[in-house]
Every structure is written in C-alpha cells, then in structure tokens.
Amino acid sequence: MSHRPLALVTGVGRRAGIGAAIAARLATDGWDLAISWWGPYDVRVHGAADPDGVDSVVAECEHAGARVTRLPVDLADPEQAAALVGRAEAEAGAPVTAIVMSHCESVDSDFATTTLESFDRHMAVNVRAPFLLVQAYAARLRAGAPAPEDRRRVIALTSDHVAFNLPYGTSKGALDRLIVGAAQELADVHVSANLVNPGPNDTGWMTEEIRQSAIAQTPGGRPSMPSDTAALVGFLCGPDGGWVNGQLLKSDGGFSAK
C-alpha cells in the first residue's frame, strides 16, 4: 500500500497540455494520481485526440514513483461528474486528498455566434462539474476520509478571457466565485482552495503571430509554458502552500501586469 497522498487531476488527455505537466509535477513531488480526460473533446476541439498521450503521461508519472489510476470521464454529464471522486477513491484504493481541475470546455465564439447548446456545455463542464466534484470531495472529508489534513487542496485553472471567447470566459468567472466560496465553506475540513491563471500558455495552439505577441507583452521574454503553471500548483499542493487560501494567482510571467 502506497503512503503517498492521492491527487485527482482532471484534463490530462494531451501531452502538450497543462494537465499533463501538473500530473508529472505532482508525481515528482510525491503524490499518487487519479487522472481524468475525455478523448472526444480533443477530437471535437483540437481536431484529433492524442491516443498515446495518456500512456505517455502515465509512464512519466510512474517513473517518478507514482501509482496512477486512469479515469476517462465526460464531465458534461452530471452523473459522471458527481461520481468521479468516489470512482477515483474506489479504483485507487485511497482517499482523494487534493483535487486539481485543469479540464475545460473552450470554443471561441462571441455574442453573435454562441449557440445555446455551446453556452450550456461551457457552464456544465467549467462550472457545474467543478461544483459537483468539490461537493463530493467535501462530503467524503466530512464523513471521515483519512486524507492528510496538511495536504487537502482544491485548485482550479481559470482565465481572463471574455470577449470573443464569451461562453468560456463567462464560465470561468463563475468558477472563480465557486472556488473562493469553497475556501470559506470547506474550512471545517481544513481545505485550502485557490485558482491559478496560467495566462497565454504555449500548449501547441499558438500561431507564430500569437507567440510573438505573447513574447512582446511578457516581461520574462517568452510565453508561459505548462511547466510554469505546474510549478505553482506543485507549491500550492505542498506542505508550505496550505496558508494560501481563497486566492486567484497568476503564473503568467508578468503578462497581466502591463
């Protein structure tokens, strides 16, 4: 039986993604992992799934000493979202100590082009699913789940995007309020809850024009990388990160400080 705490990390389907970097960082930092992803989303939004991506992430995490539980899940389905924490614990054989939510629905559209179906899907994946995950996590802790109190964390990735990425940005604004609320309401079970804004992050979607624009606007002189976000998440999940609570933190190299 492993004595490493268990982190549930969502959105770990693509090797180039932030979720994969977070999983690898937490594995190196001494966590076991339950990772979730949804291949049909990558096909629909990115044009193709990364069929070897999960295998690659799992191999890297296992090389770092982590036990990894695989949990493909459609977080647009409320029943699947509500069951994910319990499923992670059942399949991993350990209590979930931390939840890191790096999944999202993200389709560019504005007021004129956003369909009702798309708006509802953004809210379902980016707000309702995190609500259900945190609700289930808190209930298990209150029922006495033996998760180490000094590592109980809720972390969600957020964004400043709004105009021309309207449903995504709107849902992220709601997510921000949800996690700030968790920081207060989960005090009785010793959970620290925070948001991380990666800023423009080079996960493979940037055109050269966008990349150069990001470089020009970032004092650090380069775009943010998934490993930059993972480093902050690693700190927040670590023993020294617990006193940071109810915050929205930016790991964008100063991009937003202009």
C-alpha atoms as a PDB file:
ATOM      1  CA  MET A   1       0.000   0.000   0.000  1.00  0.00           C
ATOM      2  CA  SER A   2       1.371   3.403  -1.014  1.00  0.00           C
ATOM      3  CA  HIS A   3       1.767   6.097   1.634  1.00  0.00           C
ATOM      4  CA  ARG A   4       1.739   8.860  -0.957  1.00  0.00           C
ATOM      5  CA  PRO A   5      -1.352  11.117  -0.879  1.00  0.00           C
ATOM      6  CA  LEU A   6      -3.743  10.878  -3.826  1.00  0.00           C
ATOM      7  CA  ALA A   7      -4.463  13.824  -6.129  1.00  0.00           C
ATOM      8  CA  LEU A   8      -7.326  13.780  -8.607  1.00  0.00           C
ATOM      9  CA  VAL A   9      -6.225  15.774 -11.671  1.00  0.00           C
ATOM     10  CA  THR A  10      -8.708  16.448 -14.473  1.00  0.00           C
ATOM     11  CA  GLY A  11      -7.932  17.335 -18.082  1.00  0.00           C
ATOM     12  CA  VAL A  12      -4.841  15.160 -18.571  1.00  0.00           C
ATOM     13  CA  GLY A  13      -5.535  13.912 -22.092  1.00  0.00           C
ATOM     14  CA  ARG A  14      -2.864  15.690 -24.146  1.00  0.00           C
ATOM     15  CA  ARG A  15       0.897  15.503 -23.659  1.00  0.00           C
ATOM     16  CA  ALA A  16       1.219  19.176 -24.561  1.00  0.00           C
ATOM     17  CA  GLY A  17      -1.448  20.267 -22.088  1.00  0.00           C
ATOM     18  CA  ILE A  18      -1.193  21.901 -18.693  1.00  0.00           C
ATOM     19  CA  GLY A  19      -2.926  18.949 -17.025  1.00  0.00           C
ATOM     20  CA  ALA A  20      -0.160  16.597 -18.152  1.00  0.00           C
ATOM     21  CA  ALA A  21       2.510  18.920 -16.763  1.00  0.00           C
ATOM     22  CA  ILE A  22       0.654  19.188 -13.452  1.00  0.00           C
ATOM     23  CA  ALA A  23       0.354  15.415 -13.174  1.00  0.00           C
ATOM     24  CA  ALA A  24       4.075  14.970 -13.850  1.00  0.00           C
ATOM     25  CA  ARG A  25       4.992  17.630 -11.297  1.00  0.00           C
ATOM     26  CA  LEU A  26       2.799  16.160  -8.573  1.00  0.00           C
ATOM     27  CA  ALA A  27       4.191  12.695  -9.246  1.00  0.00           C
ATOM     28  CA  THR A  28       7.697  14.070  -8.771  1.00  0.00           C
ATOM     29  CA  ASP A  29       6.557  15.820  -5.595  1.00  0.00           C
ATOM     30  CA  GLY A  30       5.396  12.557  -4.028  1.00  0.00           C
ATOM     31  CA  TRP A  31       1.739  12.254  -4.983  1.00  0.00           C
ATOM     32  CA  ASP A  32      -0.163   9.288  -6.348  1.00  0.00           C
ATOM     33  CA  LEU A  33      -2.564  10.273  -9.101  1.00  0.00           C
ATOM     34  CA  ALA A  34      -6.040   9.663 -10.425  1.00  0.00           C
ATOM     35  CA  ILE A  35      -6.182  11.340 -13.835  1.00  0.00           C
ATOM     36  CA  SER A  36      -9.246  12.062 -15.935  1.00  0.00           C
ATOM     37  CA  TRP A  37      -9.668  13.106 -19.554  1.00  0.00           C
ATOM     38  CA  TRP A  38     -12.197  12.911 -22.380  1.00  0.00           C
ATOM     39  CA  GLY A  39     -10.850  11.988 -25.827  1.00  0.00           C
ATOM     40  CA  PRO A  40     -13.959  13.047 -27.780  1.00  0.00           C
ATOM     41  CA  TYR A  41     -13.382  16.632 -26.590  1.00  0.00           C
ATOM     42  CA  ASP A  42      -9.895  16.683 -28.099  1.00  0.00           C
ATOM     43  CA  VAL A  43     -11.283  15.326 -31.364  1.00  0.00           C
ATOM     44  CA  ARG A  44     -14.047  17.929 -31.449  1.00  0.00           C
ATOM     45  CA  VAL A  45     -11.999  20.965 -30.395  1.00  0.00           C
ATOM     46  CA  HIS A  46      -8.398  20.178 -31.362  1.00  0.00           C
ATOM     47  CA  GLY A  47      -9.189  18.154 -34.466  1.00  0.00           C
ATOM     48  CA  ALA A  48      -7.638  14.952 -33.115  1.00  0.00           C
ATOM     49  CA  ALA A  49      -7.199  13.067 -29.896  1.00  0.00           C
ATOM     50  CA  ASP A  50      -3.751  12.272 -28.549  1.00  0.00           C
ATOM     51  CA  PRO A  51      -4.220   8.492 -28.265  1.00  0.00           C
ATOM     52  CA  ASP A  52      -0.739   7.910 -26.863  1.00  0.00           C
ATOM     53  CA  GLY A  53      -0.850  10.988 -24.655  1.00  0.00           C
ATOM     54  CA  VAL A  54      -2.357   9.342 -21.595  1.00  0.00           C
ATOM     55  CA  ASP A  55       0.035   6.389 -21.862  1.00  0.00           C
ATOM     56  CA  SER A  56       2.952   8.807 -22.072  1.00  0.00           C
ATOM     57  CA  VAL A  57       1.826  10.826 -19.054  1.00  0.00           C
ATOM     58  CA  VAL A  58       1.197   7.675 -17.029  1.00  0.00           C
ATOM     59  CA  ALA A  59       4.642   6.293 -17.874  1.00  0.00           C
ATOM     60  CA  GLU A  60       6.329   9.536 -16.824  1.00  0.00           C
ATOM     61  CA  CYS A  61       4.401   9.659 -13.556  1.00  0.00           C
ATOM     62  CA  GLU A  62       5.069   6.007 -12.780  1.00  0.00           C
ATOM     63  CA  HIS A  63       8.767   6.557 -13.464  1.00  0.00           C
ATOM     64  CA  ALA A  64       8.638   9.226 -10.726  1.00  0.00           C
ATOM     65  CA  GLY A  65       7.213   6.659  -8.316  1.00  0.00           C
ATOM     66  CA  ALA A  66       3.508   7.427  -8.546  1.00  0.00           C
ATOM     67  CA  ARG A  67       0.674   4.947  -8.765  1.00  0.00           C
ATOM     68  CA  VAL A  68      -1.680   6.206 -11.478  1.00  0.00           C
ATOM     69  CA  THR A  69      -5.390   5.456 -11.867  1.00  0.00           C
ATOM     70  CA  ARG A  70      -6.979   6.231 -15.239  1.00  0.00           C
ATOM     71  CA  LEU A  71     -10.476   7.720 -15.260  1.00  0.00           C
ATOM     72  CA  PRO A  72     -11.876   8.709 -18.668  1.00  0.00           C
ATOM     73  CA  VAL A  73     -14.974  10.767 -17.958  1.00  0.00           C
ATOM     74  CA  ASP A  74     -17.395  13.085 -19.737  1.00  0.00           C
ATOM     75  CA  LEU A  75     -17.716  15.980 -17.303  1.00  0.00           C
ATOM     76  CA  ALA A  76     -20.610  17.401 -19.309  1.00  0.00           C
ATOM     77  CA  ASP A  77     -22.641  14.536 -17.841  1.00  0.00           C
ATOM     78  CA  PRO A  78     -23.693  15.489 -14.286  1.00  0.00           C
ATOM     79  CA  GLU A  79     -23.957  11.871 -13.167  1.00  0.00           C
ATOM     80  CA  GLN A  80     -20.404  11.109 -14.286  1.00  0.00           C
ATOM     81  CA  ALA A  81     -19.094  14.323 -12.713  1.00  0.00           C
ATOM     82  CA  ALA A  82     -20.846  13.685  -9.402  1.00  0.00           C
ATOM     83  CA  ALA A  83     -19.445  10.149  -9.258  1.00  0.00           C
ATOM     84  CA  LEU A  84     -15.839  10.930 -10.181  1.00  0.00           C
ATOM     85  CA  VAL A  85     -14.395  11.471  -6.686  1.00  0.00           C
ATOM     86  CA  GLY A  86     -15.937   8.244  -5.413  1.00  0.00           C
ATOM     87  CA  ARG A  87     -14.801   6.411  -8.515  1.00  0.00           C
ATOM     88  CA  ALA A  88     -11.246   7.705  -8.041  1.00  0.00           C
ATOM     89  CA  GLU A  89     -11.180   6.512  -4.442  1.00  0.00           C
ATOM     90  CA  ALA A  90     -12.649   3.129  -5.280  1.00  0.00           C
ATOM     91  CA  GLU A  91     -10.262   2.434  -8.147  1.00  0.00           C
ATOM     92  CA  ALA A  92      -7.167   3.887  -6.479  1.00  0.00           C
ATOM     93  CA  GLY A  93      -7.950   2.338  -3.101  1.00  0.00           C
ATOM     94  CA  ALA A  94      -7.159   5.577  -1.260  1.00  0.00           C
ATOM     95  CA  PRO A  95      -8.905   8.797  -0.226  1.00  0.00           C
ATOM     96  CA  VAL A  96      -8.656  11.789  -2.555  1.00  0.00           C
ATOM     97  CA  THR A  97      -6.532  14.343  -0.697  1.00  0.00           C
ATOM     98  CA  ALA A  98      -6.369  17.061  -3.380  1.00  0.00           C
ATOM     99  CA  ILE A  99      -8.369  17.983  -6.477  1.00  0.00           C
ATOM    100  CA  VAL A 100      -6.736  19.891  -9.327  1.00  0.00           C
ATOM    101  CA  MET A 101      -9.199  20.861 -12.054  1.00  0.00           C
ATOM    102  CA  SER A 102      -7.387  21.594 -15.310  1.00  0.00           C
ATOM    103  CA  HIS A 103     -10.160  20.441 -17.643  1.00  0.00           C
ATOM    104  CA  CYS A 104     -12.266  22.854 -19.658  1.00  0.00           C
ATOM    105  CA  GLU A 105     -14.691  23.365 -22.484  1.00  0.00           C
ATOM    106  CA  SER A 106     -13.239  26.111 -24.682  1.00  0.00           C
ATOM    107  CA  VAL A 107     -14.696  27.070 -28.051  1.00  0.00           C
ATOM    108  CA  ASP A 108     -14.145  30.590 -29.405  1.00  0.00           C
ATOM    109  CA  SER A 109     -17.378  32.474 -30.062  1.00  0.00           C
ATOM    110  CA  ASP A 110     -18.992  35.842 -29.349  1.00  0.00           C
ATOM    111  CA  PHE A 111     -22.481  37.145 -28.630  1.00  0.00           C
ATOM    112  CA  ALA A 112     -23.486  36.757 -32.266  1.00  0.00           C
ATOM    113  CA  THR A 113     -22.153  33.231 -32.790  1.00  0.00           C
ATOM    114  CA  THR A 114     -22.549  31.477 -29.423  1.00  0.00           C
ATOM    115  CA  THR A 115     -25.285  28.869 -29.575  1.00  0.00           C
ATOM    116  CA  LEU A 116     -27.416  27.954 -26.601  1.00  0.00           C
ATOM    117  CA  GLU A 117     -26.036  24.422 -26.756  1.00  0.00           C
ATOM    118  CA  SER A 118     -22.451  25.704 -26.609  1.00  0.00           C
ATOM    119  CA  PHE A 119     -23.217  28.115 -23.770  1.00  0.00           C
ATOM    120  CA  ASP A 120     -24.840  25.360 -21.730  1.00  0.00           C
ATOM    121  CA  ARG A 121     -21.947  22.960 -22.391  1.00  0.00           C
ATOM    122  CA  HIS A 122     -19.408  25.540 -21.195  1.00  0.00           C
ATOM    123  CA  MET A 123     -21.357  26.075 -17.996  1.00  0.00           C
ATOM    124  CA  ALA A 124     -21.814  22.328 -17.489  1.00  0.00           C
ATOM    125  CA  VAL A 125     -18.134  21.439 -17.900  1.00  0.00           C
ATOM    126  CA  ASN A 126     -16.476  24.539 -16.445  1.00  0.00           C
ATOM    127  CA  VAL A 127     -18.844  25.320 -13.552  1.00  0.00           C
ATOM    128  CA  ARG A 128     -21.307  22.530 -12.799  1.00  0.00           C
ATOM    129  CA  ALA A 129     -18.705  19.757 -12.933  1.00  0.00           C
ATOM    130  CA  PRO A 130     -16.304  21.567 -10.532  1.00  0.00           C
ATOM    131  CA  PHE A 131     -19.259  22.230  -8.215  1.00  0.00           C
ATOM    132  CA  LEU A 132     -20.142  18.542  -8.192  1.00  0.00           C
ATOM    133  CA  LEU A 133     -16.507  17.479  -7.714  1.00  0.00           C
ATOM    134  CA  VAL A 134     -15.941  19.812  -4.770  1.00  0.00           C
ATOM    135  CA  GLN A 135     -19.314  18.930  -3.263  1.00  0.00           C
ATOM    136  CA  ALA A 136     -18.490  15.202  -3.351  1.00  0.00           C
ATOM    137  CA  TYR A 137     -14.941  15.790  -2.077  1.00  0.00           C
ATOM    138  CA  ALA A 138     -16.156  17.838   0.885  1.00  0.00           C
ATOM    139  CA  ALA A 139     -18.816  15.259   1.741  1.00  0.00           C
ATOM    140  CA  ARG A 140     -16.213  12.480   1.844  1.00  0.00           C
ATOM    141  CA  LEU A 141     -13.910  14.513   4.066  1.00  0.00           C
ATOM    142  CA  ARG A 142     -16.792  15.280   6.431  1.00  0.00           C
ATOM    143  CA  ALA A 143     -17.610  11.576   6.502  1.00  0.00           C
ATOM    144  CA  GLY A 144     -14.114  10.951   7.828  1.00  0.00           C
ATOM    145  CA  ALA A 145     -11.997  10.151   4.763  1.00  0.00           C
ATOM    146  CA  PRO A 146      -8.436   9.744   6.124  1.00  0.00           C
ATOM    147  CA  ALA A 147      -6.818  12.312   3.848  1.00  0.00           C
ATOM    148  CA  PRO A 148      -3.785  14.089   5.376  1.00  0.00           C
ATOM    149  CA  GLU A 149      -5.056  17.417   6.708  1.00  0.00           C
ATOM    150  CA  ASP A 150      -1.923  19.363   5.713  1.00  0.00           C
ATOM    151  CA  ARG A 151      -2.368  18.471   2.017  1.00  0.00           C
ATOM    152  CA  ARG A 152      -6.100  18.979   1.457  1.00  0.00           C
ATOM    153  CA  ARG A 153      -6.374  21.235  -1.567  1.00  0.00           C
ATOM    154  CA  VAL A 154      -8.809  22.394  -4.228  1.00  0.00           C
ATOM    155  CA  ILE A 155      -7.183  24.095  -7.210  1.00  0.00           C
ATOM    156  CA  ALA A 156      -8.864  25.175 -10.440  1.00  0.00           C
ATOM    157  CA  LEU A 157      -7.365  26.741 -13.549  1.00  0.00           C
ATOM    158  CA  THR A 158      -9.031  29.952 -14.648  1.00  0.00           C
ATOM    159  CA  SER A 159      -8.679  32.627 -17.324  1.00  0.00           C
ATOM    160  CA  ASP A 160      -9.160  36.329 -18.061  1.00  0.00           C
ATOM    161  CA  HIS A 161     -10.641  35.640 -21.499  1.00  0.00           C
ATOM    162  CA  VAL A 162     -14.075  37.124 -22.135  1.00  0.00           C
ATOM    163  CA  ALA A 163     -14.658  38.979 -25.419  1.00  0.00           C
ATOM    164  CA  PHE A 164     -14.798  36.689 -28.472  1.00  0.00           C
ATOM    165  CA  ASN A 165     -14.324  33.728 -26.152  1.00  0.00           C
ATOM    166  CA  LEU A 166     -17.551  34.600 -24.431  1.00  0.00           C
ATOM    167  CA  PRO A 167     -19.015  31.367 -23.030  1.00  0.00           C
ATOM    168  CA  TYR A 168     -15.582  30.214 -21.873  1.00  0.00           C
ATOM    169  CA  GLY A 169     -14.810  33.484 -20.126  1.00  0.00           C
ATOM    170  CA  THR A 170     -18.264  33.705 -18.595  1.00  0.00           C
ATOM    171  CA  SER A 171     -17.988  30.204 -17.183  1.00  0.00           C
ATOM    172  CA  LYS A 172     -14.523  30.905 -15.790  1.00  0.00           C
ATOM    173  CA  GLY A 173     -15.873  33.955 -13.973  1.00  0.00           C
ATOM    174  CA  ALA A 174     -18.459  31.738 -12.292  1.00  0.00           C
ATOM    175  CA  LEU A 175     -15.759  29.163 -11.494  1.00  0.00           C
ATOM    176  CA  ASP A 176     -13.742  31.871  -9.728  1.00  0.00           C
ATOM    177  CA  ARG A 177     -16.633  32.626  -7.360  1.00  0.00           C
ATOM    178  CA  LEU A 178     -17.202  28.916  -6.770  1.00  0.00           C
ATOM    179  CA  ILE A 179     -13.625  28.289  -5.623  1.00  0.00           C
ATOM    180  CA  VAL A 180     -13.464  31.419  -3.467  1.00  0.00           C
ATOM    181  CA  GLY A 181     -16.622  30.135  -1.796  1.00  0.00           C
ATOM    182  CA  ALA A 182     -15.006  26.754  -1.244  1.00  0.00           C
ATOM    183  CA  ALA A 183     -12.093  28.422   0.534  1.00  0.00           C
ATOM    184  CA  GLN A 184     -14.543  29.621   3.176  1.00  0.00           C
ATOM    185  CA  GLU A 185     -17.075  26.802   3.281  1.00  0.00           C
ATOM    186  CA  LEU A 186     -14.519  23.976   3.492  1.00  0.00           C
ATOM    187  CA  ALA A 187     -12.639  25.476   6.430  1.00  0.00           C
ATOM    188  CA  ASP A 188     -14.114  22.877   8.786  1.00  0.00           C
ATOM    189  CA  VAL A 189     -12.336  20.107   6.878  1.00  0.00           C
ATOM    190  CA  HIS A 190      -9.057  22.036   6.535  1.00  0.00           C
ATOM    191  CA  VAL A 191      -9.122  22.533   2.757  1.00  0.00           C
ATOM    192  CA  SER A 192      -7.238  25.356   1.053  1.00  0.00           C
ATOM    193  CA  ALA A 193      -8.883  26.369  -2.235  1.00  0.00           C
ATOM    194  CA  ASN A 194      -7.294  28.563  -4.888  1.00  0.00           C
ATOM    195  CA  LEU A 195      -7.413  29.499  -8.561  1.00  0.00           C
ATOM    196  CA  VAL A 196      -4.446  29.604 -10.914  1.00  0.00           C
ATOM    197  CA  ASN A 197      -4.475  31.712 -14.082  1.00  0.00           C
ATOM    198  CA  PRO A 198      -1.757  30.475 -16.463  1.00  0.00           C
ATOM    199  CA  GLY A 199      -2.106  33.386 -18.881  1.00  0.00           C
ATOM    200  CA  PRO A 200      -1.333  32.704 -22.562  1.00  0.00           C
ATOM    201  CA  ASN A 201       0.236  29.261 -22.316  1.00  0.00           C
ATOM    202  CA  ASP A 202       2.084  27.582 -25.162  1.00  0.00           C
ATOM    203  CA  THR A 203       0.333  24.213 -25.272  1.00  0.00           C
ATOM    204  CA  GLY A 204       0.549  23.850 -29.036  1.00  0.00           C
ATOM    205  CA  TRP A 205      -2.296  26.138 -30.108  1.00  0.00           C
ATOM    206  CA  MET A 206      -0.251  29.303 -30.658  1.00  0.00           C
ATOM    207  CA  THR A 207       0.391  30.558 -34.170  1.00  0.00           C
ATOM    208  CA  GLU A 208       3.746  32.273 -34.657  1.00  0.00           C
ATOM    209  CA  GLU A 209       1.941  35.637 -34.661  1.00  0.00           C
ATOM    210  CA  ILE A 210       0.274  34.894 -31.320  1.00  0.00           C
ATOM    211  CA  ARG A 211       3.536  33.573 -29.910  1.00  0.00           C
ATOM    212  CA  GLN A 212       5.446  36.728 -30.856  1.00  0.00           C
ATOM    213  CA  SER A 213       2.666  38.906 -29.432  1.00  0.00           C
ATOM    214  CA  ALA A 214       2.802  36.993 -26.138  1.00  0.00           C
ATOM    215  CA  ILE A 215       6.586  37.358 -26.014  1.00  0.00           C
ATOM    216  CA  ALA A 216       6.318  41.102 -26.618  1.00  0.00           C
ATOM    217  CA  GLN A 217       3.799  41.505 -23.765  1.00  0.00           C
ATOM    218  CA  THR A 218       5.594  39.299 -21.228  1.00  0.00           C
ATOM    219  CA  PRO A 219       8.415  40.857 -19.179  1.00  0.00           C
ATOM    220  CA  GLY A 220      10.008  37.426 -18.895  1.00  0.00           C
ATOM    221  CA  GLY A 221      10.601  37.466 -22.641  1.00  0.00           C
ATOM    222  CA  ARG A 222       8.868  34.192 -23.502  1.00  0.00           C
ATOM    223  CA  PRO A 223       5.381  32.715 -23.422  1.00  0.00           C
ATOM    224  CA  SER A 224       4.271  30.796 -20.356  1.00  0.00           C
ATOM    225  CA  MET A 225       4.733  27.035 -20.548  1.00  0.00           C
ATOM    226  CA  PRO A 226       2.730  24.236 -18.908  1.00  0.00           C
ATOM    227  CA  SER A 227       5.654  23.607 -16.542  1.00  0.00           C
ATOM    228  CA  ASP A 228       5.319  27.167 -15.182  1.00  0.00           C
ATOM    229  CA  THR A 229       1.731  26.518 -14.153  1.00  0.00           C
ATOM    230  CA  ALA A 230       2.646  23.092 -12.803  1.00  0.00           C
ATOM    231  CA  ALA A 231       5.335  24.639 -10.589  1.00  0.00           C
ATOM    232  CA  LEU A 232       2.794  26.913  -8.910  1.00  0.00           C
ATOM    233  CA  VAL A 233       0.296  24.080  -8.485  1.00  0.00           C
ATOM    234  CA  GLY A 234       3.080  21.951  -7.007  1.00  0.00           C
ATOM    235  CA  PHE A 235       3.821  24.624  -4.426  1.00  0.00           C
ATOM    236  CA  LEU A 236       0.145  25.078  -3.545  1.00  0.00           C
ATOM    237  CA  CYS A 237      -0.249  21.318  -3.073  1.00  0.00           C
ATOM    238  CA  GLY A 238       2.902  21.106  -0.991  1.00  0.00           C
ATOM    239  CA  PRO A 239       3.296  21.412   2.780  1.00  0.00           C
ATOM    240  CA  ASP A 240       4.144  25.121   2.534  1.00  0.00           C
ATOM    241  CA  GLY A 241       1.172  26.009   0.308  1.00  0.00           C
ATOM    242  CA  GLY A 242      -1.671  25.499   2.739  1.00  0.00           C
ATOM    243  CA  TRP A 243      -1.782  29.022   4.128  1.00  0.00           C
ATOM    244  CA  VAL A 244      -2.501  30.395   0.648  1.00  0.00           C
ATOM    245  CA  ASN A 245      -6.289  30.230   0.500  1.00  0.00           C
ATOM    246  CA  GLY A 246      -9.107  31.872  -1.419  1.00  0.00           C
ATOM    247  CA  GLN A 247      -6.722  33.477  -3.911  1.00  0.00           C
ATOM    248  CA  LEU A 248      -6.528  33.896  -7.674  1.00  0.00           C
ATOM    249  CA  LEU A 249      -2.845  33.573  -8.536  1.00  0.00           C
ATOM    250  CA  LYS A 250      -1.245  34.262 -11.906  1.00  0.00           C
ATOM    251  CA  SER A 251       1.663  32.268 -13.290  1.00  0.00           C
ATOM    252  CA  ASP A 252       1.974  34.370 -16.469  1.00  0.00           C
ATOM    253  CA  GLY A 253       5.485  35.840 -16.242  1.00  0.00           C
ATOM    254  CA  GLY A 254       4.049  39.340 -15.774  1.00  0.00           C
ATOM    255  CA  PHE A 255       1.840  39.260 -18.883  1.00  0.00           C
ATOM    256  CA  SER A 256      -1.123  40.655 -16.935  1.00  0.00           C
ATOM    257  CA  ALA A 257       0.951  43.306 -15.142  1.00  0.00           C
ATOM    258  CA  LYS A 258       1.036  45.680 -18.114  1.00  0.00           C
END
